[in-house]
Amino acid sequence: MHEMSLALSIVDLVCSRAAAEGAGTINQVEVEVGSLAGVLVDALAFCYDAAARDTPAAAADLKIIPVQAKGRCLSCQDVFVLESFFTPCPACGTYEVEIIQGRDLKVVSIVIDE
């Protein structure tokens, strides 16, 4: 389950950043997860709780924000929602599509107490 590895990395990142800011407690962690990131959101939330145990992030609320994938057709430049990696352009039908959004998992904010 790679979600545990991701959760451990998130906890390490937010705890390091909170320590650098002199924070005592992390109250909230906000994470964006793209629909093509290959992450099971429920599994990530479950693993986060386990990974954060006995850290400054233990009581933090994990807010997961889903990000819908979008692509740009390289033939006609149409921008559209991607349901999978192999979604054809709805305007011209080609599969020559550049993914422009929705493959990432990123920490976007941390709420801390000093």
N, C-alpha and C. Protein backbone atom coordinates (compact mmCIF):
# COMPACT_ATOMS: atom_id res chain seq x y z
N MET A 1 0.85 -1.17 0.00
CA MET A 1 0.00 0.00 0.00
C MET A 1 0.89 1.23 0.00
N HIS A 2 0.98 1.91 -1.14
CA HIS A 2 1.85 3.08 -1.21
C HIS A 2 1.25 4.29 -0.51
N GLU A 3 -0.03 4.24 -0.15
CA GLU A 3 -0.64 5.35 0.57
C GLU A 3 0.04 5.55 1.93
N MET A 4 0.52 4.48 2.55
CA MET A 4 1.24 4.62 3.83
C MET A 4 2.54 5.38 3.62
N SER A 5 3.24 5.08 2.55
CA SER A 5 4.47 5.80 2.25
C SER A 5 4.17 7.28 1.99
N LEU A 6 3.11 7.55 1.27
CA LEU A 6 2.70 8.94 1.02
C LEU A 6 2.33 9.64 2.32
N ALA A 7 1.57 8.96 3.17
CA ALA A 7 1.15 9.55 4.45
C ALA A 7 2.37 9.85 5.32
N LEU A 8 3.32 8.94 5.37
CA LEU A 8 4.55 9.17 6.15
C LEU A 8 5.31 10.38 5.61
N SER A 9 5.37 10.51 4.30
CA SER A 9 6.05 11.65 3.69
C SER A 9 5.33 12.97 4.00
N ILE A 10 4.02 12.94 3.96
CA ILE A 10 3.24 14.14 4.29
C ILE A 10 3.48 14.54 5.74
N VAL A 11 3.41 13.59 6.65
CA VAL A 11 3.63 13.87 8.07
C VAL A 11 5.03 14.40 8.30
N ASP A 12 6.02 13.79 7.66
CA ASP A 12 7.41 14.25 7.80
C ASP A 12 7.55 15.69 7.30
N LEU A 13 6.95 15.97 6.15
CA LEU A 13 7.02 17.30 5.58
C LEU A 13 6.37 18.35 6.48
N VAL A 14 5.15 18.09 6.93
CA VAL A 14 4.44 19.10 7.73
C VAL A 14 5.07 19.27 9.11
N CYS A 15 5.55 18.18 9.69
CA CYS A 15 6.22 18.29 11.00
C CYS A 15 7.52 19.06 10.89
N SER A 16 8.28 18.83 9.81
CA SER A 16 9.53 19.57 9.60
C SER A 16 9.25 21.06 9.41
N ARG A 17 8.23 21.35 8.61
CA ARG A 17 7.89 22.76 8.36
C ARG A 17 7.37 23.44 9.63
N ALA A 18 6.56 22.73 10.39
CA ALA A 18 6.04 23.29 11.64
C ALA A 18 7.17 23.55 12.63
N ALA A 19 8.11 22.63 12.72
CA ALA A 19 9.26 22.81 13.61
C ALA A 19 10.09 24.02 13.19
N ALA A 20 10.27 24.20 11.89
CA ALA A 20 11.03 25.34 11.38
C ALA A 20 10.34 26.66 11.71
N GLU A 21 9.03 26.64 11.83
CA GLU A 21 8.26 27.85 12.17
C GLU A 21 8.08 28.00 13.68
N GLY A 22 8.60 27.05 14.48
CA GLY A 22 8.48 27.12 15.92
C GLY A 22 7.11 26.74 16.44
N ALA A 23 6.38 25.96 15.68
CA ALA A 23 5.01 25.58 16.05
C ALA A 23 5.02 24.43 17.05
N GLY A 24 4.05 24.46 17.93
CA GLY A 24 3.89 23.37 18.88
C GLY A 24 2.92 22.31 18.39
N THR A 25 1.88 22.75 17.70
CA THR A 25 0.82 21.84 17.27
C THR A 25 0.42 22.15 15.83
N ILE A 26 0.13 21.10 15.10
CA ILE A 26 -0.41 21.25 13.74
C ILE A 26 -1.90 20.97 13.84
N ASN A 27 -2.73 21.92 13.41
CA ASN A 27 -4.18 21.79 13.52
C ASN A 27 -4.84 21.24 12.26
N GLN A 28 -4.30 21.60 11.11
CA GLN A 28 -4.91 21.14 9.87
C GLN A 28 -3.84 21.01 8.79
N VAL A 29 -4.02 19.99 7.96
CA VAL A 29 -3.17 19.77 6.79
C VAL A 29 -4.11 19.66 5.60
N GLU A 30 -3.86 20.47 4.59
CA GLU A 30 -4.69 20.47 3.40
C GLU A 30 -3.87 19.91 2.23
N VAL A 31 -4.42 18.87 1.59
CA VAL A 31 -3.72 18.17 0.52
C VAL A 31 -4.61 18.10 -0.71
N GLU A 32 -4.05 18.42 -1.87
CA GLU A 32 -4.76 18.24 -3.14
C GLU A 32 -4.33 16.90 -3.75
N VAL A 33 -5.32 16.12 -4.19
CA VAL A 33 -5.05 14.82 -4.81
C VAL A 33 -5.72 14.79 -6.18
N GLY A 34 -4.91 14.66 -7.21
CA GLY A 34 -5.43 14.60 -8.57
C GLY A 34 -6.11 13.26 -8.85
N SER A 35 -7.12 13.31 -9.71
CA SER A 35 -7.87 12.09 -10.01
C SER A 35 -7.04 11.06 -10.76
N LEU A 36 -5.91 11.47 -11.35
CA LEU A 36 -5.01 10.53 -12.02
C LEU A 36 -3.71 10.31 -11.24
N ALA A 37 -3.72 10.66 -9.96
CA ALA A 37 -2.52 10.51 -9.14
C ALA A 37 -2.28 9.07 -8.68
N GLY A 38 -3.29 8.23 -8.83
CA GLY A 38 -3.13 6.83 -8.41
C GLY A 38 -3.19 6.66 -6.91
N VAL A 39 -3.93 7.53 -6.24
CA VAL A 39 -4.03 7.51 -4.79
C VAL A 39 -5.47 7.18 -4.38
N LEU A 40 -5.62 6.21 -3.51
CA LEU A 40 -6.93 5.91 -2.93
C LEU A 40 -7.13 6.86 -1.74
N VAL A 41 -8.04 7.78 -1.87
CA VAL A 41 -8.23 8.85 -0.88
C VAL A 41 -8.58 8.28 0.49
N ASP A 42 -9.48 7.30 0.57
CA ASP A 42 -9.84 6.70 1.86
C ASP A 42 -8.64 6.02 2.51
N ALA A 43 -7.83 5.36 1.71
CA ALA A 43 -6.64 4.69 2.24
C ALA A 43 -5.62 5.71 2.73
N LEU A 44 -5.48 6.82 2.00
CA LEU A 44 -4.56 7.88 2.43
C LEU A 44 -5.00 8.47 3.76
N ALA A 45 -6.29 8.73 3.92
CA ALA A 45 -6.81 9.29 5.18
C ALA A 45 -6.56 8.31 6.33
N PHE A 46 -6.82 7.03 6.10
CA PHE A 46 -6.59 6.02 7.14
C PHE A 46 -5.11 5.95 7.50
N CYS A 47 -4.26 5.92 6.50
CA CYS A 47 -2.82 5.83 6.75
C CYS A 47 -2.28 7.09 7.41
N TYR A 48 -2.84 8.24 7.07
CA TYR A 48 -2.40 9.49 7.67
C TYR A 48 -2.61 9.45 9.19
N ASP A 49 -3.76 8.96 9.61
CA ASP A 49 -4.02 8.86 11.06
C ASP A 49 -2.96 8.02 11.75
N ALA A 50 -2.59 6.91 11.15
CA ALA A 50 -1.57 6.04 11.74
C ALA A 50 -0.19 6.69 11.68
N ALA A 51 0.14 7.33 10.56
CA ALA A 51 1.46 7.95 10.39
C ALA A 51 1.65 9.15 11.31
N ALA A 52 0.57 9.86 11.62
CA ALA A 52 0.66 11.07 12.44
C ALA A 52 0.68 10.79 13.94
N ARG A 53 0.35 9.57 14.32
CA ARG A 53 0.31 9.21 15.74
C ARG A 53 1.65 9.54 16.41
N ASP A 54 1.59 10.15 17.58
CA ASP A 54 2.76 10.52 18.38
C ASP A 54 3.66 11.56 17.69
N THR A 55 3.05 12.40 16.86
CA THR A 55 3.78 13.51 16.22
C THR A 55 3.00 14.80 16.49
N PRO A 56 3.58 15.95 16.19
CA PRO A 56 2.82 17.21 16.33
C PRO A 56 1.59 17.27 15.43
N ALA A 57 1.50 16.38 14.46
CA ALA A 57 0.35 16.36 13.55
C ALA A 57 -0.74 15.38 13.99
N ALA A 58 -0.59 14.80 15.17
CA ALA A 58 -1.52 13.75 15.62
C ALA A 58 -2.97 14.22 15.69
N ALA A 59 -3.19 15.46 16.09
CA ALA A 59 -4.56 15.96 16.22
C ALA A 59 -5.02 16.76 15.00
N ALA A 60 -4.17 16.82 13.99
CA ALA A 60 -4.48 17.63 12.82
C ALA A 60 -5.59 17.01 11.99
N ASP A 61 -6.45 17.88 11.51
CA ASP A 61 -7.50 17.47 10.59
C ASP A 61 -6.90 17.41 9.19
N LEU A 62 -7.01 16.26 8.53
CA LEU A 62 -6.52 16.12 7.17
C LEU A 62 -7.66 16.47 6.22
N LYS A 63 -7.47 17.53 5.45
CA LYS A 63 -8.48 17.94 4.47
C LYS A 63 -7.95 17.57 3.09
N ILE A 64 -8.65 16.65 2.43
CA ILE A 64 -8.24 16.19 1.11
C ILE A 64 -9.14 16.86 0.07
N ILE A 65 -8.52 17.56 -0.85
CA ILE A 65 -9.24 18.27 -1.90
C ILE A 65 -9.02 17.52 -3.22
N PRO A 66 -10.09 16.95 -3.78
CA PRO A 66 -9.92 16.25 -5.06
C PRO A 66 -9.75 17.25 -6.21
N VAL A 67 -8.84 16.91 -7.13
CA VAL A 67 -8.59 17.75 -8.30
C VAL A 67 -8.89 16.92 -9.55
N GLN A 68 -9.86 17.37 -10.33
CA GLN A 68 -10.24 16.67 -11.55
C GLN A 68 -9.14 16.83 -12.60
N ALA A 69 -8.80 15.75 -13.26
CA ALA A 69 -7.78 15.79 -14.31
C ALA A 69 -8.31 16.52 -15.54
N LYS A 70 -7.42 17.27 -16.18
CA LYS A 70 -7.74 17.96 -17.43
C LYS A 70 -6.62 17.72 -18.43
N GLY A 71 -7.01 17.71 -19.69
CA GLY A 71 -6.04 17.54 -20.75
C GLY A 71 -6.23 18.57 -21.83
N ARG A 72 -5.16 18.75 -22.63
CA ARG A 72 -5.22 19.65 -23.78
C ARG A 72 -4.87 18.82 -25.01
N CYS A 73 -5.75 18.88 -25.99
CA CYS A 73 -5.52 18.16 -27.24
C CYS A 73 -4.37 18.83 -27.98
N LEU A 74 -3.39 18.04 -28.40
CA LEU A 74 -2.25 18.58 -29.12
C LEU A 74 -2.59 18.90 -30.58
N SER A 75 -3.71 18.37 -31.07
CA SER A 75 -4.12 18.64 -32.45
C SER A 75 -4.98 19.90 -32.56
N CYS A 76 -6.04 19.97 -31.75
CA CYS A 76 -6.98 21.10 -31.89
C CYS A 76 -6.94 22.09 -30.72
N GLN A 77 -6.13 21.79 -29.67
CA GLN A 77 -5.95 22.66 -28.50
C GLN A 77 -7.16 22.73 -27.58
N ASP A 78 -8.16 21.86 -27.78
CA ASP A 78 -9.32 21.81 -26.89
C ASP A 78 -8.87 21.37 -25.49
N VAL A 79 -9.40 21.98 -24.45
CA VAL A 79 -9.12 21.59 -23.07
C VAL A 79 -10.37 20.92 -22.52
N PHE A 80 -10.19 19.74 -21.90
CA PHE A 80 -11.34 18.96 -21.46
C PHE A 80 -10.98 18.10 -20.25
N VAL A 81 -12.02 17.61 -19.57
CA VAL A 81 -11.86 16.75 -18.40
C VAL A 81 -11.43 15.36 -18.85
N LEU A 82 -10.44 14.80 -18.16
CA LEU A 82 -9.96 13.45 -18.45
C LEU A 82 -10.55 12.47 -17.45
N GLU A 83 -11.12 11.42 -17.93
CA GLU A 83 -11.64 10.35 -17.06
C GLU A 83 -10.57 9.29 -16.80
N SER A 84 -9.58 9.19 -17.70
CA SER A 84 -8.48 8.24 -17.56
C SER A 84 -7.30 8.77 -18.37
N PHE A 85 -6.19 8.03 -18.32
CA PHE A 85 -5.02 8.42 -19.10
C PHE A 85 -5.27 8.29 -20.60
N PHE A 86 -6.25 7.51 -20.98
CA PHE A 86 -6.50 7.22 -22.39
C PHE A 86 -7.86 7.76 -22.84
N THR A 87 -8.13 9.01 -22.52
CA THR A 87 -9.37 9.67 -22.93
C THR A 87 -9.12 10.41 -24.22
N PRO A 88 -9.90 10.13 -25.26
CA PRO A 88 -9.71 10.86 -26.51
C PRO A 88 -10.29 12.27 -26.41
N CYS A 89 -9.82 13.14 -27.26
CA CYS A 89 -10.34 14.50 -27.33
C CYS A 89 -11.80 14.45 -27.78
N PRO A 90 -12.69 15.08 -27.04
CA PRO A 90 -14.10 15.06 -27.44
C PRO A 90 -14.38 15.91 -28.69
N ALA A 91 -13.48 16.82 -29.01
CA ALA A 91 -13.69 17.70 -30.16
C ALA A 91 -13.25 17.05 -31.47
N CYS A 92 -12.09 16.35 -31.46
CA CYS A 92 -11.57 15.81 -32.72
C CYS A 92 -11.30 14.31 -32.69
N GLY A 93 -11.37 13.70 -31.51
CA GLY A 93 -11.22 12.25 -31.40
C GLY A 93 -9.80 11.71 -31.30
N THR A 94 -8.81 12.56 -31.39
CA THR A 94 -7.43 12.09 -31.31
C THR A 94 -7.06 11.74 -29.86
N TYR A 95 -6.06 10.87 -29.74
CA TYR A 95 -5.54 10.51 -28.42
C TYR A 95 -4.25 11.27 -28.09
N GLU A 96 -3.91 12.24 -28.90
CA GLU A 96 -2.72 13.04 -28.66
C GLU A 96 -3.06 14.13 -27.65
N VAL A 97 -3.00 13.76 -26.37
CA VAL A 97 -3.47 14.63 -25.30
C VAL A 97 -2.36 14.85 -24.29
N GLU A 98 -2.16 16.10 -23.93
CA GLU A 98 -1.21 16.47 -22.87
C GLU A 98 -2.01 16.63 -21.58
N ILE A 99 -1.59 15.93 -20.53
CA ILE A 99 -2.26 16.07 -19.23
C ILE A 99 -1.75 17.37 -18.60
N ILE A 100 -2.66 18.27 -18.29
CA ILE A 100 -2.26 19.58 -17.75
C ILE A 100 -2.64 19.74 -16.27
N GLN A 101 -3.41 18.81 -15.74
CA GLN A 101 -3.84 18.90 -14.34
C GLN A 101 -4.36 17.54 -13.89
N GLY A 102 -4.08 17.21 -12.63
CA GLY A 102 -4.71 16.03 -12.04
C GLY A 102 -3.82 14.84 -11.80
N ARG A 103 -2.51 14.99 -11.98
CA ARG A 103 -1.60 13.88 -11.72
C ARG A 103 -0.86 14.03 -10.39
N ASP A 104 -1.05 15.14 -9.71
CA ASP A 104 -0.25 15.47 -8.54
C ASP A 104 -0.94 15.16 -7.21
N LEU A 105 -0.11 15.01 -6.22
CA LEU A 105 -0.53 15.02 -4.82
C LEU A 105 0.37 16.06 -4.17
N LYS A 106 -0.23 17.10 -3.59
CA LYS A 106 0.60 18.12 -2.97
C LYS A 106 -0.03 18.70 -1.72
N VAL A 107 0.81 19.01 -0.77
CA VAL A 107 0.40 19.71 0.44
C VAL A 107 0.27 21.18 0.07
N VAL A 108 -0.92 21.74 0.26
CA VAL A 108 -1.15 23.13 -0.12
C VAL A 108 -1.20 24.08 1.07
N SER A 109 -1.50 23.57 2.27
CA SER A 109 -1.46 24.45 3.44
C SER A 109 -1.37 23.65 4.73
N ILE A 110 -0.85 24.33 5.74
CA ILE A 110 -0.73 23.76 7.08
C ILE A 110 -1.18 24.84 8.04
N VAL A 111 -2.08 24.51 8.97
CA VAL A 111 -2.50 25.44 10.00
C VAL A 111 -1.84 24.99 11.31
N ILE A 112 -1.08 25.93 11.94
CA ILE A 112 -0.31 25.59 13.13
C ILE A 112 -0.61 26.54 14.28
N ASP A 113 -0.28 26.07 15.50
CA ASP A 113 -0.29 26.91 16.70
C ASP A 113 1.16 27.11 17.13
N GLU A 114 1.45 28.32 17.56
CA GLU A 114 2.82 28.59 18.03
C GLU A 114 2.95 28.27 19.49
